[in-house]
């Protein structure tokens, strides 16, 4: 009986956590293009966490230990494969929340001046003075020197 109560309580807490996460992402990151992808990743993480908790609570995983080990190994491989995307996404959120770089600002990156046209979750789009479009991975802003000339 207490396992059932804990399972129901866990589902309720997970649903509340999901809606709070969704509100935070929608309110704080609404202007960041690609933030809906972040919400999808957070949702998957919440669901997987809940399934793992329920599976261990109700003993569903006792028979499938090999499957769990395989899923863990796959998660590690997936994490390594997505390392650059995750690094860019975290940098994109940091850029957006810190407001150090805004749309309309001019930057100098690798000795090229360009105007910021769009801030995305994983990349920043800039237009050079000669009309060339630059696509800059967001992690470059924290790893390399970028001069920022704010718009007035």
C-alpha atoms as a PDB file:
ATOM      1  CA  UNK A   1       0.000   0.000   0.000  1.00  0.00           C
ATOM      2  CA  UNK A   2       2.803   2.435   0.846  1.00  0.00           C
ATOM      3  CA  UNK A   3       4.536   1.636  -2.487  1.00  0.00           C
ATOM      4  CA  UNK A   4       1.341   2.555  -4.322  1.00  0.00           C
ATOM      5  CA  UNK A   5       1.051   5.803  -2.356  1.00  0.00           C
ATOM      6  CA  UNK A   6       4.709   6.634  -3.069  1.00  0.00           C
ATOM      7  CA  UNK A   7       4.185   5.876  -6.760  1.00  0.00           C
ATOM      8  CA  UNK A   8       1.138   8.141  -7.017  1.00  0.00           C
ATOM      9  CA  UNK A   9       2.901  10.872  -5.028  1.00  0.00           C
ATOM     10  CA  UNK A  10       5.916  10.564  -7.314  1.00  0.00           C
ATOM     11  CA  UNK A  11       3.765  10.984 -10.428  1.00  0.00           C
ATOM     12  CA  UNK A  12       2.051  14.052  -8.923  1.00  0.00           C
ATOM     13  CA  UNK A  13       5.398  15.631  -7.978  1.00  0.00           C
ATOM     14  CA  UNK A  14       6.769  14.884 -11.445  1.00  0.00           C
ATOM     15  CA  UNK A  15       3.770  16.501 -13.155  1.00  0.00           C
ATOM     16  CA  UNK A  16       4.092  19.598 -10.948  1.00  0.00           C
ATOM     17  CA  UNK A  17       7.846  19.729 -11.642  1.00  0.00           C
ATOM     18  CA  UNK A  18       7.177  19.462 -15.388  1.00  0.00           C
ATOM     19  CA  UNK A  19       4.704  22.364 -15.361  1.00  0.00           C
ATOM     20  CA  UNK A  20       7.021  24.535 -13.257  1.00  0.00           C
ATOM     21  CA  UNK A  21       9.927  23.761 -15.612  1.00  0.00           C
ATOM     22  CA  UNK A  22       7.752  24.566 -18.609  1.00  0.00           C
ATOM     23  CA  UNK A  23       6.709  27.916 -17.105  1.00  0.00           C
ATOM     24  CA  UNK A  24      10.312  28.840 -16.311  1.00  0.00           C
ATOM     25  CA  UNK A  25      11.513  27.941 -19.803  1.00  0.00           C
ATOM     26  CA  UNK A  26       8.587  29.714 -21.487  1.00  0.00           C
ATOM     27  CA  UNK A  27       8.908  32.884 -19.366  1.00  0.00           C
ATOM     28  CA  UNK A  28      12.683  33.244 -19.171  1.00  0.00           C
ATOM     29  CA  UNK A  29      13.655  31.890 -22.591  1.00  0.00           C
ATOM     30  CA  UNK A  30      10.641  32.814 -24.730  1.00  0.00           C
ATOM     31  CA  UNK A  31      12.658  35.074 -27.040  1.00  0.00           C
ATOM     32  CA  UNK A  32      15.449  32.537 -27.516  1.00  0.00           C
ATOM     33  CA  UNK A  33      14.891  30.671 -30.744  1.00  0.00           C
ATOM     34  CA  UNK A  34      15.117  26.927 -30.201  1.00  0.00           C
ATOM     35  CA  UNK A  35      13.989  27.030 -26.570  1.00  0.00           C
ATOM     36  CA  UNK A  36      11.171  24.629 -27.461  1.00  0.00           C
ATOM     37  CA  UNK A  37      13.910  22.036 -28.107  1.00  0.00           C
ATOM     38  CA  UNK A  38      15.168  22.619 -24.573  1.00  0.00           C
ATOM     39  CA  UNK A  39      11.661  22.027 -23.232  1.00  0.00           C
ATOM     40  CA  UNK A  40      11.564  18.747 -25.147  1.00  0.00           C
ATOM     41  CA  UNK A  41      14.897  17.641 -23.675  1.00  0.00           C
ATOM     42  CA  UNK A  42      13.777  18.578 -20.151  1.00  0.00           C
ATOM     43  CA  UNK A  43      10.503  16.698 -20.678  1.00  0.00           C
ATOM     44  CA  UNK A  44      12.331  13.570 -21.806  1.00  0.00           C
ATOM     45  CA  UNK A  45      14.638  13.795 -18.798  1.00  0.00           C
ATOM     46  CA  UNK A  46      11.691  14.131 -16.413  1.00  0.00           C
ATOM     47  CA  UNK A  47       9.833  11.208 -17.985  1.00  0.00           C
ATOM     48  CA  UNK A  48      12.894   8.942 -18.009  1.00  0.00           C
ATOM     49  CA  UNK A  49      13.638   9.823 -14.389  1.00  0.00           C
ATOM     50  CA  UNK A  50      10.071   9.052 -13.355  1.00  0.00           C
ATOM     51  CA  UNK A  51      10.042   5.755 -15.251  1.00  0.00           C
ATOM     52  CA  UNK A  52      13.295   4.711 -13.613  1.00  0.00           C
ATOM     53  CA  UNK A  53      11.938   5.610 -10.173  1.00  0.00           C
ATOM     54  CA  UNK A  54       8.662   3.756 -10.717  1.00  0.00           C
ATOM     55  CA  UNK A  55      10.471   0.779 -12.213  1.00  0.00           C
ATOM     56  CA  UNK A  56      12.752   0.430  -9.223  1.00  0.00           C
ATOM     57  CA  UNK A  57       9.968   1.091  -6.701  1.00  0.00           C
ATOM     58  CA  UNK A  58       7.689  -1.601  -8.096  1.00  0.00           C
ATOM     59  CA  UNK A  59      10.470  -4.051  -8.937  1.00  0.00           C
ATOM     60  CA  UNK A  60       9.904  -3.894 -12.682  1.00  0.00           C
ATOM     61  CA  UNK A  61      13.626  -3.724 -13.333  1.00  0.00           C
ATOM     62  CA  UNK A  62      14.634  -6.807 -11.357  1.00  0.00           C
ATOM     63  CA  UNK A  63      14.176  -8.981 -14.439  1.00  0.00           C
ATOM     64  CA  UNK A  64      15.655  -6.549 -16.902  1.00  0.00           C
ATOM     65  CA  UNK A  65      19.047  -5.710 -15.413  1.00  0.00           C
ATOM     66  CA  UNK A  66      20.811  -6.267 -18.735  1.00  0.00           C
ATOM     67  CA  UNK A  67      18.415  -3.893 -20.466  1.00  0.00           C
ATOM     68  CA  UNK A  68      19.056  -1.221 -17.850  1.00  0.00           C
ATOM     69  CA  UNK A  69      22.817  -1.627 -18.236  1.00  0.00           C
ATOM     70  CA  UNK A  70      22.436  -1.325 -22.011  1.00  0.00           C
ATOM     71  CA  UNK A  71      20.303   1.794 -21.649  1.00  0.00           C
ATOM     72  CA  UNK A  72      22.935   3.275 -19.332  1.00  0.00           C
ATOM     73  CA  UNK A  73      25.694   2.539 -21.818  1.00  0.00           C
ATOM     74  CA  UNK A  74      23.592   4.019 -24.620  1.00  0.00           C
ATOM     75  CA  UNK A  75      22.981   7.137 -22.515  1.00  0.00           C
ATOM     76  CA  UNK A  76      26.733   7.568 -22.028  1.00  0.00           C
ATOM     77  CA  UNK A  77      27.374   7.144 -25.764  1.00  0.00           C
ATOM     78  CA  UNK A  78      24.548   9.572 -26.570  1.00  0.00           C
ATOM     79  CA  UNK A  79      25.926  12.080 -24.065  1.00  0.00           C
ATOM     80  CA  UNK A  80      29.348  11.906 -25.675  1.00  0.00           C
ATOM     81  CA  UNK A  81      27.834  12.220 -29.159  1.00  0.00           C
ATOM     82  CA  UNK A  82      25.748  15.256 -28.159  1.00  0.00           C
ATOM     83  CA  UNK A  83      28.510  16.920 -26.157  1.00  0.00           C
ATOM     84  CA  UNK A  84      29.016  19.812 -28.605  1.00  0.00           C
ATOM     85  CA  UNK A  85      25.288  20.419 -29.022  1.00  0.00           C
ATOM     86  CA  UNK A  86      24.794  20.465 -25.255  1.00  0.00           C
ATOM     87  CA  UNK A  87      27.776  22.797 -24.819  1.00  0.00           C
ATOM     88  CA  UNK A  88      26.326  25.154 -27.444  1.00  0.00           C
ATOM     89  CA  UNK A  89      22.841  24.993 -25.894  1.00  0.00           C
ATOM     90  CA  UNK A  90      24.142  25.810 -22.415  1.00  0.00           C
ATOM     91  CA  UNK A  91      26.209  28.666 -23.851  1.00  0.00           C
ATOM     92  CA  UNK A  92      23.148  29.933 -25.729  1.00  0.00           C
ATOM     93  CA  UNK A  93      21.092  30.020 -22.557  1.00  0.00           C
ATOM     94  CA  UNK A  94      23.946  31.799 -20.762  1.00  0.00           C
ATOM     95  CA  UNK A  95      24.264  34.405 -23.531  1.00  0.00           C
ATOM     96  CA  UNK A  96      20.525  35.004 -23.499  1.00  0.00           C
ATOM     97  CA  UNK A  97      20.169  35.278 -19.716  1.00  0.00           C
ATOM     98  CA  UNK A  98      23.272  37.452 -19.202  1.00  0.00           C
ATOM     99  CA  UNK A  99      22.263  39.889 -21.966  1.00  0.00           C
ATOM    100  CA  UNK A 100      25.902  40.528 -22.852  1.00  0.00           C
ATOM    101  CA  UNK A 101      25.107  40.169 -26.543  1.00  0.00           C
ATOM    102  CA  UNK A 102      21.829  41.296 -28.079  1.00  0.00           C
ATOM    103  CA  UNK A 103      20.261  41.291 -31.520  1.00  0.00           C
ATOM    104  CA  UNK A 104      21.429  44.434 -33.296  1.00  0.00           C
ATOM    105  CA  UNK A 105      24.816  44.596 -31.539  1.00  0.00           C
ATOM    106  CA  UNK A 106      27.950  44.593 -33.672  1.00  0.00           C
ATOM    107  CA  UNK A 107      30.631  42.063 -32.815  1.00  0.00           C
ATOM    108  CA  UNK A 108      34.177  41.476 -33.957  1.00  0.00           C
ATOM    109  CA  UNK A 109      34.936  37.774 -34.145  1.00  0.00           C
ATOM    110  CA  UNK A 110      38.107  36.399 -35.757  1.00  0.00           C
ATOM    111  CA  UNK A 111      38.929  39.931 -36.987  1.00  0.00           C
ATOM    112  CA  UNK A 112      35.598  40.174 -38.831  1.00  0.00           C
ATOM    113  CA  UNK A 113      32.931  42.704 -37.850  1.00  0.00           C
ATOM    114  CA  UNK A 114      29.327  41.579 -38.083  1.00  0.00           C
ATOM    115  CA  UNK A 115      25.901  42.622 -36.834  1.00  0.00           C
ATOM    116  CA  UNK A 116      23.962  40.105 -34.709  1.00  0.00           C
ATOM    117  CA  UNK A 117      20.788  39.157 -36.593  1.00  0.00           C
ATOM    118  CA  UNK A 118      19.549  36.325 -34.382  1.00  0.00           C
ATOM    119  CA  UNK A 119      20.312  34.475 -31.166  1.00  0.00           C
ATOM    120  CA  UNK A 120      19.414  30.796 -31.289  1.00  0.00           C
ATOM    121  CA  UNK A 121      19.757  28.059 -28.710  1.00  0.00           C
ATOM    122  CA  UNK A 122      22.901  26.569 -30.285  1.00  0.00           C
ATOM    123  CA  UNK A 123      24.139  29.242 -32.682  1.00  0.00           C
ATOM    124  CA  UNK A 124      24.253  32.975 -33.306  1.00  0.00           C
ATOM    125  CA  UNK A 125      23.572  34.395 -36.769  1.00  0.00           C
ATOM    126  CA  UNK A 126      25.485  37.535 -37.768  1.00  0.00           C
ATOM    127  CA  UNK A 127      25.744  39.533 -40.986  1.00  0.00           C
ATOM    128  CA  UNK A 128      29.115  40.970 -42.028  1.00  0.00           C
ATOM    129  CA  UNK A 129      29.524  44.414 -43.552  1.00  0.00           C
ATOM    130  CA  UNK A 130      29.759  42.863 -47.045  1.00  0.00           C
ATOM    131  CA  UNK A 131      26.514  40.898 -46.546  1.00  0.00           C
ATOM    132  CA  UNK A 132      28.022  37.508 -45.705  1.00  0.00           C
ATOM    133  CA  UNK A 133      26.080  35.467 -43.171  1.00  0.00           C
ATOM    134  CA  UNK A 134      28.131  34.117 -40.251  1.00  0.00           C
ATOM    135  CA  UNK A 135      26.860  31.186 -38.209  1.00  0.00           C
ATOM    136  CA  UNK A 136      28.772  31.125 -34.927  1.00  0.00           C
ATOM    137  CA  UNK A 137      28.440  28.222 -32.456  1.00  0.00           C
ATOM    138  CA  UNK A 138      27.465  29.745 -29.098  1.00  0.00           C
ATOM    139  CA  UNK A 139      30.300  28.097 -27.167  1.00  0.00           C
ATOM    140  CA  UNK A 140      32.757  30.265 -29.141  1.00  0.00           C
ATOM    141  CA  UNK A 141      31.563  33.312 -27.176  1.00  0.00           C
ATOM    142  CA  UNK A 142      32.874  31.813 -23.936  1.00  0.00           C
ATOM    143  CA  UNK A 143      36.020  30.224 -25.377  1.00  0.00           C
ATOM    144  CA  UNK A 144      37.339  32.957 -27.661  1.00  0.00           C
ATOM    145  CA  UNK A 145      37.698  36.713 -27.495  1.00  0.00           C
ATOM    146  CA  UNK A 146      34.736  38.513 -29.023  1.00  0.00           C
ATOM    147  CA  UNK A 147      34.487  42.303 -29.085  1.00  0.00           C
ATOM    148  CA  UNK A 148      30.942  43.585 -28.604  1.00  0.00           C
ATOM    149  CA  UNK A 149      29.832  47.029 -29.775  1.00  0.00           C
ATOM    150  CA  UNK A 150      26.327  47.520 -28.309  1.00  0.00           C
ATOM    151  CA  UNK A 151      23.667  49.114 -30.475  1.00  0.00           C
ATOM    152  CA  UNK A 152      22.650  52.578 -29.380  1.00  0.00           C
END
